Every structure is written in C-alpha cells, then in structure tokens.
Amino acid sequence: MNRLFWTSLLLATPTLAFAHGDLFLVGGRLDRNNTIIYETFIEEAGGKSEARIAVLTISSIPYAWDVNRYGKQKAEKRYNSKTNGEYYAELLKKHGASHAEWIPLDCSNPDFANHPGWEDTLKDYTGFFFGGGDQSRYIAVLYEHDSEKGRTPTPFMKALQARVESGATVLGTSAGSAVQSGPAMVTSGDPYFGLVHGITETTGPAYYQEFLNEDFENPVHPELEVDPLGGLGFFQWGMIDTHFSERGRQARLIYLAAALDVRLGVGVDENTALWVKRKTKDNILLRVLGESGVHLFEIPESVSVDRKGYPRISGILNHYFVAGDSAILSGPPNDFSVTAFLATPSRDPEVFRLSMKEEKRADILSALEDNDGRVRFPYQFNKLAGKAAALGTREPPQVHQTSQNDPVAFGISFRQEASTQATPPEASSYINLLVGLAPVTDTP
C-alpha cells in the first residue's frame, strides 16, 4: 500500500457556508489566569455586559459514566464532562462574561443532540467554548453516521453552524481546537511510526459508535490516525494540531497535511491561542495571544516517495509566530495565499545570541518514548529551525535526523530564503524558512 494515500480520501469533505464569527484556537493547558485569551474571547463574543457563552465538553469522559464507575461523590471530584463544564463556565464568568453555562451533552446521551428546538435554545448565545479531551467524541455526538448516507449534522450541529455563520465567536482548547479543522482532522499518533507504516483512517459508523460505548477505552498508541472528512469545519483553510511544540508534533502535522493534500498545517502551543479574525470573506487576519507560539506550514502541492515507499516532502514554507506577530490569509479556503509578518524582524546574524552547535541527543521528530505518551526532546525542532532562520546560509541546508533508525532514519532540512527573517536575540519567532522531510539517504 502506498504509505501516503488511500482510496477513501476520495470521499467528499463536508463544507460550510462562510463562518463569520471569530475563532480562537488554543493549544491546550489553558491557564485559568491567562487573562489575555479569556478576556479577548469574551470581548469578541459581545463584551463583558453582553457575552453569553455556551460551554461544550463532549470530548470529556461523561459524568454519568464516572458516576456508574466511582459513585456520585467521587465523580464530582474527577475530570469529566460535568465538572469540566462547570469549571469553565465559572471561570468565564470570573473573567467577565455576563452569562456562561455548560450544555449537558456528551457521549452518554448522544440522542440529546437530535432533540428539536436547538435553534431556539442556542439563538441567544454569542460565544461557544469547546473544552479538551478526545476530539473524536465531538464528531461521534454532533453528527449522525451512516454507512450509506455518510456523515450528517444533528439538529444541534445545524443550530451551532447557524449561530457561527451569524457571528457567534468560538474558542476551542486542545481537542476543542483540533476538532475545528475543515479539510481533515488528526486524531492521534506518533510521527515516526506514521512515516514508516503509513496513516490509518478513523471515520465511519463503526469507528464513532465505539466512543458511545461506556466500556470503550482509547489508549495511547503509536498508529498515526486521521479522519479525512475533517472536524466541525469552522477553520476551513487547513488542518490543526495542538500541544504542538511541547509534544514535538511538527513532523506529524507536515506529513499528515502533505499526505491528505491539505495546503496549510496549523500547530498551536500550549497556553497559547491563534486568533482567527475574519475581516472579510476572503481576508483573514491571524494573531497570536498567550505565552508561546504557533507554527504555520505551507504545504507544497506534490509529495514524492523513495524507491521503498517512504515519503519525501520538500518545499514546505514554515513560519513560527509569537505574540505580536501576525499573518494574513488572502483568498477563499481552496485558493489562498499567506503573508507573514514579524513584529521585530531581522536578517543580521550579529544581533542573535545563538550558536549552530548541534544539541546533544537531539531527535528532530521528538518521537514517542513509551506508551504513556511522553516525547523525547520536544523543543528540538523549534530550537534548530530558529537557529537556521537566524544564522544559516542559503546553501547548503542544515539537516537534522531522528534517533530512531529501524528500519530507516528520517531527516529534516532547514534552508534560508531571501525573505527569511527571525526575531532577535533568541530567534523566538521566524518566517519564510524552507523545510524538507525525507529518509536521511535522500534528504532534500
């Protein structure tokens, strides 16, 4: 089997009308004191006196299942749909929202999403907050899944789409961000395993029905999985990944986006938000809020494989933004361009306090270390890419490889362009850096 593609990708991805409300994509671990993110979201949702926020925690373990397993008293002290929902509702009110309320919808009561009257129930909400957990649970509950009819939105999802298209603001954190993807949705997996063994499709009635089963467990595993039909579709320009630099997911997103012919990969760090500000239908402003940064990967149109079938991806244009930096997406989701801006750019190597000395034990892919999901050297990509953007010469590219080499090692190359810039003195952000990924015997 070709490791890059499979026939089911020919299935049509559902599309939405233009979504008018602003979107905040948070990379997870959103701190309760991250005032800039909470208050900006509330302001865009109508301001402190008018904001009415609906909190969705469908991606969490259902409260009812925790009650069945541990009893009500212990369930109230665990992280589940109810306790998480009430936590976020109170936190949003603490940050100024006039009203915030948990919607008691989760995998224990999916039929609730099919009740009539959701359009009337949701019409007064000006913002929607999507909590973290497992993004597949959102899709399991908010859509009907049929082997013949495919995926169709429930009445709740139709009402939610109508509110967003009418101007309601959306914030998602962790799984709540990943599920906003339009073209395709990552569900789990290790980048090195995927590069070697290919991608597993996770979609269809049988897959999503499992998430509605109280006895189902979805443990951490290395298989690289994706739903080619995407998520909720409120971000239609690309594919979203979260906990990004902290878990070393750069190569994972590059490979998935390239394999699925998605033009833009968006990777958001923890306690950080990408603010998607819709200026006009075809003019989108991207800004960063919070403590870390956001990766954008512009993916080339063609991907090749070597003689053994391993992927070779070249010509990727990478930008890494922090607070103060921005980008503009110009054009519709199927035909757009990216223009990136740094707040304080430089191309002068003398202003950077950096050395190109190789990091000891560096693993550029930050592969999974064990079944607990820990990663090796999660920030290596950022460190080495920043150095290349600030200090590297245009020829030859710097190449850094994986510590895993059975059956093959992979390498990442970084190359400056004439337009490459970085932010001094530590190259904390950069734009227009060319990136390639390939087996080390064939690294671009």
Protein backbone atom coordinates (compact mmCIF):
# COMPACT_ATOMS: atom_id res chain seq x y z
CA MET A 1 0.00 0.00 0.00
CA ASN A 2 1.22 3.47 -0.80
CA ARG A 3 2.10 4.98 2.57
CA LEU A 4 0.77 8.39 1.62
CA PHE A 5 -2.71 7.89 0.24
CA TRP A 6 -5.72 5.59 0.34
CA THR A 7 -8.83 5.41 -1.82
CA SER A 8 -11.31 6.57 0.83
CA LEU A 9 -9.76 10.04 0.64
CA LEU A 10 -11.87 10.47 -2.47
CA LEU A 11 -14.90 10.85 -0.19
CA ALA A 12 -16.19 14.41 -0.21
CA THR A 13 -15.26 16.57 2.75
CA PRO A 14 -18.30 18.44 4.12
CA THR A 15 -18.19 22.18 3.60
CA LEU A 16 -19.89 25.04 5.40
CA ALA A 17 -21.00 28.46 4.35
CA PHE A 18 -18.58 31.21 5.30
CA ALA A 19 -18.27 31.30 9.09
CA HIS A 20 -18.50 34.93 10.16
CA GLY A 21 -17.62 34.72 13.86
CA ASP A 22 -14.05 34.96 15.13
CA LEU A 23 -12.24 31.77 16.12
CA PHE A 24 -9.70 31.23 18.92
CA LEU A 25 -7.59 28.08 18.61
CA VAL A 26 -5.83 27.25 21.90
CA GLY A 27 -3.15 24.56 22.04
CA GLY A 28 -4.32 23.11 25.36
CA ARG A 29 -3.39 23.56 29.03
CA LEU A 30 -5.13 26.93 29.07
CA ASP A 31 -4.18 28.50 32.39
CA ARG A 32 -7.03 29.89 34.49
CA ASN A 33 -5.10 33.16 34.78
CA ASN A 34 -4.44 33.65 31.07
CA THR A 35 -6.34 36.92 31.05
CA ILE A 36 -5.40 37.97 27.52
CA ILE A 37 -7.02 34.90 25.94
CA TYR A 38 -10.15 34.70 28.11
CA GLU A 39 -10.90 38.42 28.03
CA THR A 40 -10.23 38.82 24.29
CA PHE A 41 -12.58 35.92 23.58
CA ILE A 42 -15.26 37.43 25.81
CA GLU A 43 -14.81 40.86 24.21
CA GLU A 44 -15.24 39.40 20.71
CA ALA A 45 -18.30 37.48 21.93
CA GLY A 46 -20.08 40.72 22.80
CA GLY A 47 -18.15 42.21 25.69
CA LYS A 48 -18.49 41.71 29.42
CA SER A 49 -22.01 43.05 29.61
CA GLU A 50 -23.37 41.14 26.61
CA ALA A 51 -21.35 37.92 26.24
CA ARG A 52 -23.39 34.76 26.69
CA ILE A 53 -21.17 31.69 26.43
CA ALA A 54 -22.23 28.05 25.93
CA VAL A 55 -19.63 25.58 27.25
CA LEU A 56 -19.27 22.23 25.44
CA THR A 57 -17.27 19.38 26.99
CA ILE A 58 -18.40 16.50 24.80
CA SER A 59 -14.75 15.44 24.42
CA SER A 60 -14.52 14.62 28.13
CA ILE A 61 -15.41 11.33 29.82
CA PRO A 62 -19.16 11.56 30.52
CA TYR A 63 -20.14 12.42 34.06
CA ALA A 64 -22.77 9.67 34.06
CA TRP A 65 -20.12 7.05 33.31
CA ASP A 66 -17.95 8.30 36.17
CA VAL A 67 -20.96 8.05 38.49
CA ASN A 68 -21.51 4.46 37.38
CA ARG A 69 -17.86 3.58 37.99
CA TYR A 70 -16.99 5.54 41.11
CA GLY A 71 -20.21 6.78 42.65
CA LYS A 72 -21.57 10.32 42.65
CA GLN A 73 -19.33 11.67 45.42
CA LYS A 74 -16.10 10.62 43.68
CA ALA A 75 -17.43 11.57 40.24
CA GLU A 76 -17.84 15.15 41.45
CA LYS A 77 -14.09 15.25 42.15
CA ARG A 78 -12.94 13.76 38.85
CA TYR A 79 -12.34 15.41 35.47
CA ASN A 80 -15.42 14.64 33.40
CA SER A 81 -17.95 16.42 31.20
CA LYS A 82 -19.90 17.94 34.10
CA THR A 83 -17.03 19.01 36.36
CA ASN A 84 -15.04 20.36 33.41
CA GLY A 85 -18.07 22.17 32.02
CA GLU A 86 -18.95 23.80 35.32
CA TYR A 87 -15.29 24.73 35.88
CA TYR A 88 -15.06 26.57 32.56
CA ALA A 89 -18.44 28.24 32.98
CA GLU A 90 -17.43 29.68 36.36
CA LEU A 91 -14.02 30.68 35.01
CA LEU A 92 -15.55 32.54 32.07
CA LYS A 93 -17.83 34.43 34.44
CA LYS A 94 -14.82 35.24 36.62
CA HIS A 95 -13.16 36.78 33.56
CA GLY A 96 -16.21 38.93 32.88
CA ALA A 97 -18.77 37.02 30.81
CA SER A 98 -22.28 38.10 31.81
CA HIS A 99 -23.52 34.53 31.39
CA ALA A 100 -21.74 31.20 30.88
CA GLU A 101 -23.47 27.84 31.01
CA TRP A 102 -22.48 24.22 30.49
CA ILE A 103 -24.56 22.36 27.89
CA PRO A 104 -25.06 18.83 29.35
CA LEU A 105 -24.37 16.95 26.13
CA ASP A 106 -21.80 14.13 25.97
CA CYS A 107 -21.24 10.55 24.80
CA SER A 108 -23.65 9.19 27.41
CA ASN A 109 -26.66 10.99 25.90
CA PRO A 110 -25.99 11.47 22.14
CA ASP A 111 -29.72 11.41 21.34
CA PHE A 112 -29.96 14.77 23.12
CA ALA A 113 -28.24 16.32 20.08
CA ASN A 114 -31.20 15.19 17.95
CA HIS A 115 -33.89 16.85 20.04
CA PRO A 116 -35.93 19.52 18.26
CA GLY A 117 -35.64 23.10 19.35
CA TRP A 118 -31.86 23.58 19.45
CA GLU A 119 -32.07 26.50 17.05
CA ASP A 120 -34.24 28.36 19.55
CA THR A 121 -32.11 27.24 22.52
CA LEU A 122 -28.80 28.43 21.01
CA LYS A 123 -30.01 31.65 19.37
CA ASP A 124 -29.10 33.90 22.31
CA TYR A 125 -25.55 32.58 22.79
CA THR A 126 -22.85 34.88 21.45
CA GLY A 127 -19.92 32.51 22.02
CA PHE A 128 -19.15 28.80 22.25
CA PHE A 129 -16.31 27.33 24.33
CA PHE A 130 -15.07 23.84 23.36
CA GLY A 131 -13.13 22.01 26.09
CA GLY A 132 -10.42 19.40 25.66
CA GLY A 133 -10.29 15.61 25.80
CA ASP A 134 -10.73 13.46 22.69
CA GLN A 135 -11.85 15.29 19.55
CA SER A 136 -13.43 12.14 18.12
CA ARG A 137 -16.11 12.33 20.83
CA TYR A 138 -17.31 15.65 19.38
CA ILE A 139 -17.75 14.07 15.96
CA ALA A 140 -19.41 10.97 17.43
CA VAL A 141 -22.10 13.06 19.12
CA LEU A 142 -22.61 16.07 16.85
CA TYR A 143 -23.08 14.04 13.65
CA GLU A 144 -25.13 11.06 12.57
CA HIS A 145 -23.00 8.34 10.96
CA ASP A 146 -24.45 6.05 8.31
CA SER A 147 -22.61 3.65 6.02
CA GLU A 148 -24.72 4.76 3.03
CA LYS A 149 -25.60 8.39 3.79
CA GLY A 150 -22.22 9.20 5.33
CA ARG A 151 -21.88 11.89 8.00
CA THR A 152 -24.77 14.29 8.52
CA PRO A 153 -25.12 17.05 11.15
CA THR A 154 -27.52 16.63 14.03
CA PRO A 155 -30.07 19.36 14.83
CA PHE A 156 -27.66 20.65 17.49
CA MET A 157 -24.83 20.88 14.96
CA LYS A 158 -27.07 22.64 12.43
CA ALA A 159 -28.09 25.18 15.07
CA LEU A 160 -24.43 25.68 16.06
CA GLN A 161 -23.43 26.23 12.43
CA ALA A 162 -26.19 28.80 12.05
CA ARG A 163 -25.02 30.71 15.12
CA VAL A 164 -21.39 30.82 13.98
CA GLU A 165 -22.41 31.87 10.48
CA SER A 166 -24.44 34.66 12.12
CA GLY A 167 -21.43 35.97 14.02
CA ALA A 168 -21.03 33.91 17.21
CA THR A 169 -17.42 33.54 18.42
CA VAL A 170 -15.79 30.16 19.02
CA LEU A 171 -12.91 29.19 21.33
CA GLY A 172 -11.51 25.68 21.43
CA THR A 173 -8.72 24.32 23.60
CA SER A 174 -6.76 21.11 22.95
CA ALA A 175 -9.25 18.65 21.38
CA GLY A 176 -11.68 21.57 21.20
CA SER A 177 -9.23 23.25 18.77
CA ALA A 178 -8.30 20.17 16.76
CA VAL A 179 -11.97 19.49 16.03
CA GLN A 180 -12.39 22.90 14.34
CA SER A 181 -10.40 21.61 11.31
CA GLY A 182 -12.15 21.62 7.98
CA PRO A 183 -10.11 19.61 5.43
CA ALA A 184 -9.01 16.77 7.76
CA MET A 185 -8.75 16.09 11.50
CA VAL A 186 -5.82 14.46 13.28
CA THR A 187 -6.94 12.03 15.97
CA SER A 188 -3.73 10.55 17.41
CA GLY A 189 -0.34 9.03 16.69
CA ASP A 190 3.44 9.15 16.59
CA PRO A 191 5.18 10.85 13.62
CA TYR A 192 7.98 8.31 13.16
CA PHE A 193 5.56 5.36 13.24
CA GLY A 194 3.42 7.08 10.62
CA LEU A 195 6.33 7.84 8.31
CA VAL A 196 7.35 4.18 8.39
CA HIS A 197 3.97 2.43 8.44
CA GLY A 198 1.59 4.95 6.89
CA ILE A 199 -1.63 6.57 8.06
CA THR A 200 -4.73 4.89 9.47
CA GLU A 201 -8.16 6.24 8.58
CA THR A 202 -10.50 6.81 11.53
CA THR A 203 -14.00 7.55 10.29
CA GLY A 204 -17.34 5.91 9.64
CA PRO A 205 -20.15 4.49 11.78
CA ALA A 206 -18.21 1.59 13.32
CA TYR A 207 -15.36 3.84 14.49
CA TYR A 208 -17.52 6.56 16.04
CA GLN A 209 -20.01 4.14 17.58
CA GLU A 210 -17.21 2.89 19.84
CA PHE A 211 -17.00 6.27 21.57
CA LEU A 212 -20.64 5.91 22.66
CA ASN A 213 -19.87 2.63 24.42
CA GLU A 214 -19.29 3.06 28.15
CA ASP A 215 -16.79 0.18 28.21
CA PHE A 216 -14.66 1.54 25.35
CA GLU A 217 -11.08 2.53 26.18
CA ASN A 218 -8.96 4.54 23.74
CA PRO A 219 -5.38 4.11 25.00
CA VAL A 220 -2.30 5.97 23.77
CA HIS A 221 -0.85 4.13 20.77
CA PRO A 222 1.72 4.93 18.06
CA GLU A 223 -0.52 4.49 14.99
CA LEU A 224 -0.87 7.77 13.12
CA GLU A 225 -4.61 8.31 12.72
CA VAL A 226 -6.69 10.90 10.90
CA ASP A 227 -10.28 11.46 9.86
CA PRO A 228 -10.11 12.53 6.20
CA LEU A 229 -13.61 14.03 6.44
CA GLY A 230 -12.34 16.63 8.90
CA GLY A 231 -13.87 18.07 12.04
CA LEU A 232 -16.54 20.72 12.54
CA GLY A 233 -15.20 22.83 9.68
CA PHE A 234 -15.12 26.23 11.35
CA PHE A 235 -11.47 26.60 10.23
CA GLN A 236 -11.54 25.65 6.57
CA TRP A 237 -8.07 26.80 5.49
CA GLY A 238 -6.09 23.95 7.00
CA MET A 239 -5.51 21.18 9.50
CA ILE A 240 -4.99 21.91 13.22
CA ASP A 241 -2.76 20.17 15.77
CA THR A 242 -2.33 21.09 19.45
CA HIS A 243 0.09 20.68 22.40
CA PHE A 244 2.38 21.32 19.50
CA SER A 245 5.94 22.25 20.42
CA GLU A 246 5.58 20.67 23.86
CA ARG A 247 4.96 17.25 22.27
CA GLY A 248 7.14 17.72 19.20
CA ARG A 249 4.37 17.34 16.63
CA GLN A 250 5.90 19.31 13.74
CA ALA A 251 6.74 16.30 11.58
CA ARG A 252 3.38 14.71 12.36
CA LEU A 253 1.48 17.71 11.02
CA ILE A 254 3.76 18.13 7.98
CA TYR A 255 3.31 14.50 6.97
CA LEU A 256 -0.45 14.36 7.56
CA ALA A 257 -1.14 17.61 5.71
CA ALA A 258 1.05 16.57 2.79
CA ALA A 259 -0.46 13.09 2.59
CA LEU A 260 -4.01 14.43 2.58
CA ASP A 261 -3.25 17.29 0.17
CA VAL A 262 -4.08 19.92 2.79
CA ARG A 263 -2.39 23.21 1.93
CA LEU A 264 -1.91 24.61 5.44
CA GLY A 265 -0.89 22.98 8.71
CA VAL A 266 -1.53 24.94 11.93
CA GLY A 267 0.24 23.84 15.12
CA VAL A 268 -0.65 25.67 18.35
CA ASP A 269 1.46 25.55 21.51
CA GLU A 270 0.04 25.17 24.99
CA ASN A 271 -1.50 28.14 26.83
CA THR A 272 -1.41 29.99 23.50
CA ALA A 273 -4.15 31.00 21.08
CA LEU A 274 -4.26 31.63 17.36
CA TRP A 275 -6.87 34.34 16.92
CA VAL A 276 -8.57 33.94 13.53
CA LYS A 277 -10.03 37.36 12.86
CA ARG A 278 -12.37 37.46 9.91
CA LYS A 279 -12.01 40.83 8.20
CA THR A 280 -13.94 39.92 5.06
CA LYS A 281 -14.96 36.64 3.47
CA ASP A 282 -11.61 36.29 1.71
CA ASN A 283 -9.35 38.28 4.05
CA ILE A 284 -8.40 36.62 7.34
CA LEU A 285 -6.06 38.09 9.98
CA LEU A 286 -4.15 35.64 12.19
CA ARG A 287 -2.72 36.87 15.52
CA VAL A 288 -1.08 35.09 18.44
CA LEU A 289 -2.09 35.52 22.09
CA GLY A 290 -0.53 33.91 25.15
CA GLU A 291 2.80 32.61 26.33
CA SER A 292 4.25 30.54 23.45
CA GLY A 293 3.76 30.36 19.71
CA VAL A 294 2.02 28.99 16.63
CA HIS A 295 3.51 27.14 13.65
CA LEU A 296 2.17 27.58 10.13
CA PHE A 297 3.32 25.11 7.46
CA GLU A 298 2.53 25.94 3.84
CA ILE A 299 2.49 22.53 2.18
CA PRO A 300 3.62 22.02 -1.46
CA GLU A 301 1.18 20.59 -3.95
CA SER A 302 3.16 17.44 -4.71
CA VAL A 303 4.72 14.77 -2.50
CA SER A 304 7.02 12.02 -3.72
CA VAL A 305 8.19 8.71 -2.28
CA ASP A 306 11.54 6.97 -2.47
CA ARG A 307 12.02 3.52 -4.00
CA LYS A 308 10.98 1.86 -0.74
CA GLY A 309 7.81 3.93 -0.47
CA TYR A 310 8.93 6.30 2.28
CA PRO A 311 7.72 9.90 1.89
CA ARG A 312 9.91 12.73 0.64
CA ILE A 313 8.42 16.19 1.16
CA SER A 314 10.29 19.33 0.09
CA GLY A 315 9.45 22.97 -0.39
CA ILE A 316 7.49 23.39 2.86
CA LEU A 317 7.38 27.03 3.97
CA ASN A 318 7.41 27.33 7.77
CA HIS A 319 6.51 30.32 9.94
CA TYR A 320 6.62 30.36 13.74
CA PHE A 321 4.80 33.25 15.42
CA VAL A 322 4.68 34.55 18.96
CA ALA A 323 2.59 37.35 20.48
CA GLY A 324 2.89 40.48 18.34
CA ASP A 325 3.47 38.58 15.08
CA SER A 326 0.71 38.06 12.52
CA ALA A 327 -0.27 36.72 9.13
CA ILE A 328 -2.94 37.38 6.53
CA LEU A 329 -4.78 34.67 4.59
CA SER A 330 -5.97 36.16 1.31
CA GLY A 331 -8.48 34.29 -0.81
CA PRO A 332 -11.05 31.53 -0.28
CA PRO A 333 -10.10 28.30 1.54
CA ASN A 334 -9.47 26.42 -1.70
CA ASP A 335 -7.22 29.10 -3.24
CA PHE A 336 -5.47 31.39 -0.75
CA SER A 337 -2.06 32.91 -0.07
CA VAL A 338 -0.24 33.51 3.22
CA THR A 339 1.59 36.75 4.03
CA ALA A 340 3.55 36.60 7.29
CA PHE A 341 4.79 39.48 9.45
CA LEU A 342 7.15 39.62 12.45
CA ALA A 343 6.80 42.44 14.98
CA THR A 344 10.60 43.00 15.17
CA PRO A 345 12.29 41.15 12.27
CA SER A 346 15.99 40.93 11.43
CA ARG A 347 18.28 39.22 8.90
CA ASP A 348 21.51 40.31 10.58
CA PRO A 349 23.27 37.30 12.22
CA GLU A 350 25.20 39.65 14.51
CA VAL A 351 22.10 40.55 16.53
CA PHE A 352 21.37 36.95 17.55
CA ARG A 353 22.79 35.25 20.66
CA LEU A 354 22.87 31.78 19.14
CA SER A 355 25.27 29.03 18.14
CA MET A 356 24.76 26.40 15.46
CA LYS A 357 26.42 23.79 17.68
CA GLU A 358 24.35 20.60 17.49
CA GLU A 359 22.16 19.82 20.51
CA LYS A 360 23.23 16.64 22.28
CA ARG A 361 20.94 13.64 21.76
CA ALA A 362 18.67 15.70 19.57
CA ASP A 363 15.77 13.89 17.91
CA ILE A 364 14.23 16.17 15.36
CA LEU A 365 10.95 14.23 15.26
CA SER A 366 10.58 14.02 19.06
CA ALA A 367 9.17 10.51 18.76
CA LEU A 368 7.13 8.81 21.45
CA GLU A 369 9.30 7.39 24.21
CA ASP A 370 6.78 4.96 25.68
CA ASN A 371 3.08 4.14 25.87
CA ASP A 372 2.49 6.94 28.36
CA GLY A 373 2.81 9.42 25.50
CA ARG A 374 5.98 11.13 26.68
CA VAL A 375 8.24 12.51 23.95
CA ARG A 376 11.97 12.80 23.52
CA PHE A 377 13.39 16.34 23.21
CA PRO A 378 10.11 18.11 22.37
CA TYR A 379 11.57 21.53 21.54
CA GLN A 380 14.37 20.42 19.19
CA PHE A 381 12.57 21.44 16.01
CA ASN A 382 11.92 24.96 17.31
CA LYS A 383 15.50 25.41 18.52
CA LEU A 384 17.13 24.20 15.32
CA ALA A 385 14.69 25.94 12.99
CA GLY A 386 15.14 29.23 14.82
CA LYS A 387 18.92 28.93 14.56
CA ALA A 388 18.70 28.16 10.85
CA ALA A 389 16.40 31.14 10.26
CA ALA A 390 18.72 33.48 12.16
CA LEU A 391 22.20 32.20 11.29
CA GLY A 392 22.03 29.68 8.47
CA THR A 393 23.24 30.36 4.97
CA ARG A 394 21.07 29.64 1.95
CA GLU A 395 23.36 26.83 0.74
CA PRO A 396 23.67 24.07 1.82
CA PRO A 397 20.64 23.38 4.03
CA GLN A 398 21.18 22.16 7.57
CA VAL A 399 19.94 18.58 8.09
CA HIS A 400 18.98 17.02 11.43
CA GLN A 401 17.83 13.46 11.79
CA THR A 402 15.87 11.12 14.03
CA SER A 403 17.48 8.96 16.69
CA GLN A 404 15.19 6.15 15.53
CA ASN A 405 16.63 4.34 12.51
CA ASP A 406 14.96 0.93 12.37
CA PRO A 407 14.11 0.40 9.57
CA VAL A 408 15.11 3.90 8.41
CA ALA A 409 16.14 7.26 9.83
CA PHE A 410 14.42 10.43 8.66
CA GLY A 411 15.91 13.87 8.37
CA ILE A 412 14.58 17.41 8.49
CA SER A 413 16.35 20.08 6.46
CA PHE A 414 16.21 23.85 7.04
CA ARG A 415 17.12 26.39 4.38
CA GLN A 416 17.01 30.18 4.42
CA GLU A 417 15.23 32.04 1.65
CA ALA A 418 15.84 35.64 0.64
CA SER A 419 12.69 36.52 2.58
CA THR A 420 13.59 34.53 5.73
CA GLN A 421 13.56 36.65 8.90
CA ALA A 422 13.77 35.97 12.63
CA THR A 423 13.17 37.86 15.87
CA PRO A 424 16.33 38.71 17.87
CA PRO A 425 18.07 37.97 20.13
CA GLU A 426 17.00 34.28 20.51
CA ALA A 427 15.15 33.73 17.22
CA SER A 428 11.97 33.29 19.24
CA SER A 429 9.94 33.56 16.04
CA TYR A 430 10.71 33.40 12.33
CA ILE A 431 9.05 33.44 8.91
CA ASN A 432 9.67 32.03 5.43
CA LEU A 433 12.01 29.16 6.36
CA LEU A 434 12.13 26.32 3.83
CA VAL A 435 11.73 22.87 5.40
CA GLY A 436 12.14 19.40 3.92
CA LEU A 437 11.46 15.91 5.28
CA ALA A 438 12.87 12.68 3.83
CA PRO A 439 14.81 9.49 4.61
CA VAL A 440 18.37 10.51 5.52
CA THR A 441 19.76 8.92 2.36
CA ASP A 442 17.55 11.24 0.34
CA THR A 443 17.08 14.39 2.45
CA PRO A 444 16.18 17.47 0.36
